[in-house]
């Protein structure tokens, strides 16, 4: 079930941190996370620049060259339709990263502002919105994606938007919990007594103090977004041929596992690499905030 892998309830709510100076210097102490961040940045840059790199057209078919091994002409060989595997891998990585970004942005846009607002003001607004997000979280992500795709057609963007909606309760709960903790501080009460509006208080005082928690949940959601895109494309609800994504490449290579296992291994390794890098960065940020809270 996709909800067991990518559902909002699978995300671990991080501890509530406070903003501290010298965050980059603290992060640099986690050498493995720094390496993971560097690898992730390289993957993103290569994927973004794929259209201008000297690689063949990822959708160009040469049936006489099908299922060839690595060579000077095709560095990673070709797939079952004679398409360059490296070009499709780069194109698929770009599409998968974009899909994960879509889900993450939708979840953050829906959840963070409302979470910060309700965590700061509380009251009836907090109660109503919390119940609303509880209702959203009760809808399985797969069912929501299938419903959206059934209405709007088999397109990746609507499917990932639905996944982002399913992720929004996690953003809401993390930002609400962090804002509730900060809202009780003396300087927040002083700002209110000076007549500052709630929106200004949230921007000036609350947002900076919950930023680390949001970094953790954003990076975790992005990692789950990669897995969600792979799962949806594997089910035929995401990227449609001839376009490639990491999930659709796994789907098309599933029937060739015995004769051409590399077609499955290569996109699978990219998925593992991206998710691992993002998870290591997230763990490092969470360790920093936990250590900061212990002092």
Protein backbone atom coordinates (compact mmCIF):
# COMPACT_ATOMS: atom_id res chain seq x y z
CA UNK A 1 0.00 0.00 0.00
CA UNK A 2 1.31 3.40 -0.91
CA UNK A 3 0.05 4.90 2.37
CA UNK A 4 2.33 2.56 4.30
CA UNK A 5 5.24 4.08 2.42
CA UNK A 6 4.33 7.65 1.62
CA UNK A 7 1.28 8.45 3.72
CA UNK A 8 1.40 11.52 5.98
CA UNK A 9 1.26 9.36 9.08
CA UNK A 10 4.56 7.77 8.04
CA UNK A 11 6.39 11.02 8.60
CA UNK A 12 8.06 11.42 11.97
CA UNK A 13 7.26 14.69 13.71
CA UNK A 14 10.57 16.34 14.62
CA UNK A 15 11.35 17.99 17.93
CA UNK A 16 10.50 21.66 18.15
CA UNK A 17 13.68 23.70 17.80
CA UNK A 18 14.56 27.32 18.07
CA UNK A 19 16.60 29.34 15.63
CA UNK A 20 20.27 29.65 16.56
CA UNK A 21 23.13 31.50 14.94
CA UNK A 22 25.94 29.65 13.25
CA UNK A 23 23.67 26.93 11.88
CA UNK A 24 25.96 26.23 8.92
CA UNK A 25 29.00 25.82 11.20
CA UNK A 26 27.04 23.37 13.35
CA UNK A 27 25.87 21.49 10.28
CA UNK A 28 29.44 21.16 8.99
CA UNK A 29 30.27 18.99 12.00
CA UNK A 30 28.08 16.29 10.48
CA UNK A 31 30.51 15.27 7.75
CA UNK A 32 28.32 12.54 6.31
CA UNK A 33 25.43 14.98 5.97
CA UNK A 34 27.68 17.52 4.25
CA UNK A 35 28.76 14.87 1.74
CA UNK A 36 25.12 13.88 1.24
CA UNK A 37 24.15 17.50 0.63
CA UNK A 38 26.95 17.91 -1.90
CA UNK A 39 25.92 14.72 -3.74
CA UNK A 40 22.29 15.83 -3.77
CA UNK A 41 23.23 19.24 -5.19
CA UNK A 42 25.29 17.55 -7.93
CA UNK A 43 22.37 15.25 -8.81
CA UNK A 44 19.99 18.22 -8.99
CA UNK A 45 22.37 20.28 -11.14
CA UNK A 46 23.00 17.41 -13.57
CA UNK A 47 19.27 16.71 -13.82
CA UNK A 48 18.40 20.36 -14.40
CA UNK A 49 21.13 20.80 -17.00
CA UNK A 50 20.28 17.52 -18.77
CA UNK A 51 18.62 19.24 -21.78
CA UNK A 52 21.86 21.08 -22.62
CA UNK A 53 24.26 18.22 -21.91
CA UNK A 54 25.79 16.32 -24.87
CA UNK A 55 23.51 13.29 -24.60
CA UNK A 56 21.07 11.87 -27.18
CA UNK A 57 17.37 12.62 -27.24
CA UNK A 58 15.89 10.48 -24.43
CA UNK A 59 12.85 9.61 -26.57
CA UNK A 60 14.73 8.77 -29.78
CA UNK A 61 14.18 5.12 -30.70
CA UNK A 62 16.65 2.99 -32.65
CA UNK A 63 15.24 -0.54 -32.60
CA UNK A 64 18.40 -2.04 -34.09
CA UNK A 65 20.28 -0.86 -30.98
CA UNK A 66 17.85 -2.27 -28.40
CA UNK A 67 19.20 -3.74 -25.15
CA UNK A 68 22.82 -2.95 -25.92
CA UNK A 69 25.37 -2.88 -23.14
CA UNK A 70 27.50 0.13 -22.17
CA UNK A 71 29.65 1.51 -24.97
CA UNK A 72 31.33 4.72 -26.05
CA UNK A 73 28.16 5.68 -27.91
CA UNK A 74 25.77 4.72 -25.09
CA UNK A 75 27.55 5.00 -21.75
CA UNK A 76 24.83 3.10 -19.87
CA UNK A 77 23.58 1.07 -22.82
CA UNK A 78 20.10 1.19 -24.34
CA UNK A 79 16.62 0.11 -23.28
CA UNK A 80 14.12 -2.22 -24.94
CA UNK A 81 13.34 0.37 -27.65
CA UNK A 82 16.96 1.34 -28.36
CA UNK A 83 16.77 4.60 -26.42
CA UNK A 84 19.88 5.87 -24.68
CA UNK A 85 19.62 4.79 -21.04
CA UNK A 86 21.79 7.62 -19.67
CA UNK A 87 19.69 10.26 -21.42
CA UNK A 88 16.50 8.73 -20.09
CA UNK A 89 17.97 8.42 -16.62
CA UNK A 90 18.86 12.12 -16.58
CA UNK A 91 15.46 13.08 -17.94
CA UNK A 92 13.69 10.77 -15.51
CA UNK A 93 15.62 12.14 -12.55
CA UNK A 94 14.64 15.69 -13.51
CA UNK A 95 10.97 14.76 -13.77
CA UNK A 96 11.01 12.83 -10.49
CA UNK A 97 12.71 15.67 -8.63
CA UNK A 98 10.20 18.13 -10.06
CA UNK A 99 7.33 15.85 -9.01
CA UNK A 100 8.67 15.58 -5.45
CA UNK A 101 9.13 19.35 -5.35
CA UNK A 102 5.51 19.85 -6.46
CA UNK A 103 4.19 17.65 -3.67
CA UNK A 104 6.42 19.32 -1.08
CA UNK A 105 5.47 22.86 -2.13
CA UNK A 106 1.75 22.05 -2.15
CA UNK A 107 1.97 20.49 1.30
CA UNK A 108 3.97 23.42 2.68
CA UNK A 109 1.75 26.10 1.14
CA UNK A 110 -1.38 24.47 2.52
CA UNK A 111 -0.03 23.53 5.93
CA UNK A 112 2.62 25.97 7.09
CA UNK A 113 0.78 29.34 7.00
CA UNK A 114 -2.32 27.92 8.68
CA UNK A 115 -0.21 26.05 11.23
CA UNK A 116 1.73 29.17 12.15
CA UNK A 117 -1.47 31.18 12.41
CA UNK A 118 -3.39 28.73 14.58
CA UNK A 119 -0.36 28.00 16.73
CA UNK A 120 0.02 31.71 17.42
CA UNK A 121 -3.61 32.77 17.97
CA UNK A 122 -5.19 29.50 19.18
CA UNK A 123 -8.90 29.57 20.04
CA UNK A 124 -11.76 28.43 17.84
CA UNK A 125 -9.77 28.90 14.63
CA UNK A 126 -7.25 26.40 15.92
CA UNK A 127 -9.97 23.88 16.76
CA UNK A 128 -11.75 24.15 13.40
CA UNK A 129 -8.61 23.93 11.27
CA UNK A 130 -7.17 21.07 13.32
CA UNK A 131 -10.35 19.05 12.73
CA UNK A 132 -10.22 19.91 9.02
CA UNK A 133 -6.64 18.66 8.68
CA UNK A 134 -7.57 15.55 10.68
CA UNK A 135 -10.20 14.86 8.02
CA UNK A 136 -7.66 15.32 5.22
CA UNK A 137 -5.21 13.01 6.94
CA UNK A 138 -7.86 10.30 7.19
CA UNK A 139 -8.05 10.04 3.38
CA UNK A 140 -5.56 7.46 2.04
CA UNK A 141 -3.07 9.10 -0.31
CA UNK A 142 -3.52 6.42 -2.96
CA UNK A 143 -7.31 6.78 -2.99
CA UNK A 144 -6.99 10.56 -3.26
CA UNK A 145 -4.50 10.26 -6.13
CA UNK A 146 -6.69 7.79 -7.99
CA UNK A 147 -9.73 10.04 -7.57
CA UNK A 148 -7.87 13.10 -8.86
CA UNK A 149 -6.38 11.22 -11.80
CA UNK A 150 -9.80 9.76 -12.66
CA UNK A 151 -11.21 13.28 -12.93
CA UNK A 152 -8.29 15.11 -14.53
CA UNK A 153 -6.64 12.30 -16.50
CA UNK A 154 -3.39 10.38 -16.17
CA UNK A 155 -1.02 13.26 -15.62
CA UNK A 156 1.83 13.53 -13.16
CA UNK A 157 1.06 17.03 -11.87
CA UNK A 158 -2.50 16.33 -10.62
CA UNK A 159 -1.30 13.11 -9.00
CA UNK A 160 1.53 14.88 -7.15
CA UNK A 161 -0.74 17.75 -6.13
CA UNK A 162 -3.02 15.19 -4.50
CA UNK A 163 -0.01 13.69 -2.71
CA UNK A 164 0.93 17.20 -1.55
CA UNK A 165 -2.57 17.67 -0.15
CA UNK A 166 -2.14 14.40 1.74
CA UNK A 167 1.18 15.69 3.14
CA UNK A 168 -0.25 19.05 4.25
CA UNK A 169 -1.47 17.85 7.69
CA UNK A 170 2.11 16.98 8.64
CA UNK A 171 3.29 20.50 7.74
CA UNK A 172 0.32 21.91 9.63
CA UNK A 173 0.97 19.92 12.80
CA UNK A 174 4.72 20.61 12.89
CA UNK A 175 4.35 24.36 12.28
CA UNK A 176 1.40 24.59 14.70
CA UNK A 177 3.28 22.76 17.48
CA UNK A 178 6.38 24.91 16.98
CA UNK A 179 4.39 28.13 16.84
CA UNK A 180 2.42 27.18 19.97
CA UNK A 181 5.67 26.74 21.88
CA UNK A 182 7.08 30.06 20.71
CA UNK A 183 3.79 31.92 21.19
CA UNK A 184 4.07 31.64 24.95
CA UNK A 185 7.40 33.46 25.11
CA UNK A 186 7.64 36.84 26.82
CA UNK A 187 8.78 38.71 23.73
CA UNK A 188 5.68 37.54 21.86
CA UNK A 189 3.46 38.91 24.61
CA UNK A 190 5.46 42.14 24.54
CA UNK A 191 4.92 42.45 20.79
CA UNK A 192 1.18 41.98 21.24
CA UNK A 193 1.08 44.60 23.98
CA UNK A 194 2.82 47.05 21.64
CA UNK A 195 0.00 46.60 19.14
CA UNK A 196 1.77 44.47 16.53
CA UNK A 197 -0.60 42.56 14.25
CA UNK A 198 -0.64 38.78 14.33
CA UNK A 199 0.72 38.45 10.78
CA UNK A 200 3.68 40.69 11.64
CA UNK A 201 4.38 38.72 14.81
CA UNK A 202 4.36 35.46 12.86
CA UNK A 203 6.76 36.79 10.21
CA UNK A 204 9.11 38.67 12.55
CA UNK A 205 9.27 36.38 15.55
CA UNK A 206 7.64 32.98 15.02
CA UNK A 207 8.78 31.95 11.55
CA UNK A 208 12.50 32.23 12.30
CA UNK A 209 12.15 30.10 15.41
CA UNK A 210 10.34 27.26 13.65
CA UNK A 211 12.55 27.28 10.55
CA UNK A 212 14.68 24.32 11.63
CA UNK A 213 11.62 22.15 12.29
CA UNK A 214 10.27 23.07 8.87
CA UNK A 215 13.60 22.17 7.24
CA UNK A 216 13.34 18.70 8.77
CA UNK A 217 9.76 18.05 7.69
CA UNK A 218 10.37 19.57 4.24
CA UNK A 219 13.36 17.36 3.53
CA UNK A 220 11.51 14.30 4.86
CA UNK A 221 8.48 15.10 2.72
CA UNK A 222 10.69 15.57 -0.35
CA UNK A 223 12.18 12.12 0.17
CA UNK A 224 8.73 10.58 0.48
CA UNK A 225 7.69 12.54 -2.60
CA UNK A 226 10.36 10.74 -4.62
CA UNK A 227 8.99 7.42 -3.43
CA UNK A 228 5.42 8.54 -4.09
CA UNK A 229 6.22 9.45 -7.69
CA UNK A 230 7.90 6.08 -8.21
CA UNK A 231 4.90 4.26 -6.75
CA UNK A 232 2.35 6.24 -8.76
CA UNK A 233 4.28 5.84 -12.02
CA UNK A 234 4.67 2.13 -11.32
CA UNK A 235 0.88 1.92 -11.04
CA UNK A 236 0.48 3.85 -14.30
CA UNK A 237 -0.91 6.99 -12.60
CA UNK A 238 2.13 9.23 -13.05
CA UNK A 239 4.41 9.98 -15.97
CA UNK A 240 3.03 8.66 -19.27
CA UNK A 241 5.08 7.35 -22.24
CA UNK A 242 7.22 8.34 -24.00
CA UNK A 243 8.35 10.64 -21.18
CA UNK A 244 10.48 9.03 -18.52
CA UNK A 245 10.57 9.26 -14.77
CA UNK A 246 12.44 7.02 -12.36
CA UNK A 247 9.22 5.22 -11.50
CA UNK A 248 8.12 4.73 -15.10
CA UNK A 249 11.59 3.44 -16.01
CA UNK A 250 11.25 0.82 -13.28
CA UNK A 251 7.82 -0.11 -14.63
CA UNK A 252 8.97 -0.56 -18.23
CA UNK A 253 12.02 -2.56 -17.13
CA UNK A 254 10.10 -4.91 -14.82
CA UNK A 255 9.45 -7.43 -17.60
CA UNK A 256 13.13 -7.44 -18.58
CA UNK A 257 14.54 -8.19 -15.15
CA UNK A 258 16.13 -11.47 -16.26
CA UNK A 259 17.50 -10.36 -19.64
CA UNK A 260 18.47 -6.75 -18.81
CA UNK A 261 18.61 -6.26 -15.02
CA UNK A 262 20.60 -3.03 -15.38
CA UNK A 263 17.50 -1.27 -16.67
CA UNK A 264 15.97 -1.76 -13.24
CA UNK A 265 19.11 -1.31 -11.17
CA UNK A 266 20.08 2.11 -12.55
CA UNK A 267 16.87 4.07 -11.80
CA UNK A 268 16.52 2.15 -8.53
CA UNK A 269 19.99 3.25 -7.44
CA UNK A 270 19.19 6.88 -8.26
CA UNK A 271 16.02 6.70 -6.14
CA UNK A 272 17.96 5.17 -3.25
CA UNK A 273 20.76 7.72 -3.59
CA UNK A 274 18.44 10.75 -3.60
CA UNK A 275 16.30 9.50 -0.72
CA UNK A 276 19.40 8.56 1.30
CA UNK A 277 21.03 11.96 0.78
CA UNK A 278 17.89 13.86 1.76
CA UNK A 279 17.37 11.62 4.79
CA UNK A 280 20.95 12.13 6.00
CA UNK A 281 20.58 15.90 5.74
CA UNK A 282 17.25 15.73 7.58
CA UNK A 283 18.76 13.57 10.34
CA UNK A 284 21.64 16.01 10.77
CA UNK A 285 19.31 19.01 11.09
CA UNK A 286 17.14 17.14 13.58
CA UNK A 287 20.23 16.14 15.60
CA UNK A 288 21.32 19.78 15.66
CA UNK A 289 17.92 20.95 16.93
CA UNK A 290 17.78 18.19 19.55
CA UNK A 291 21.26 19.07 20.79
CA UNK A 292 20.27 22.73 20.89
CA UNK A 293 17.17 21.91 22.90
CA UNK A 294 19.21 19.93 25.44
CA UNK A 295 21.39 22.90 26.31
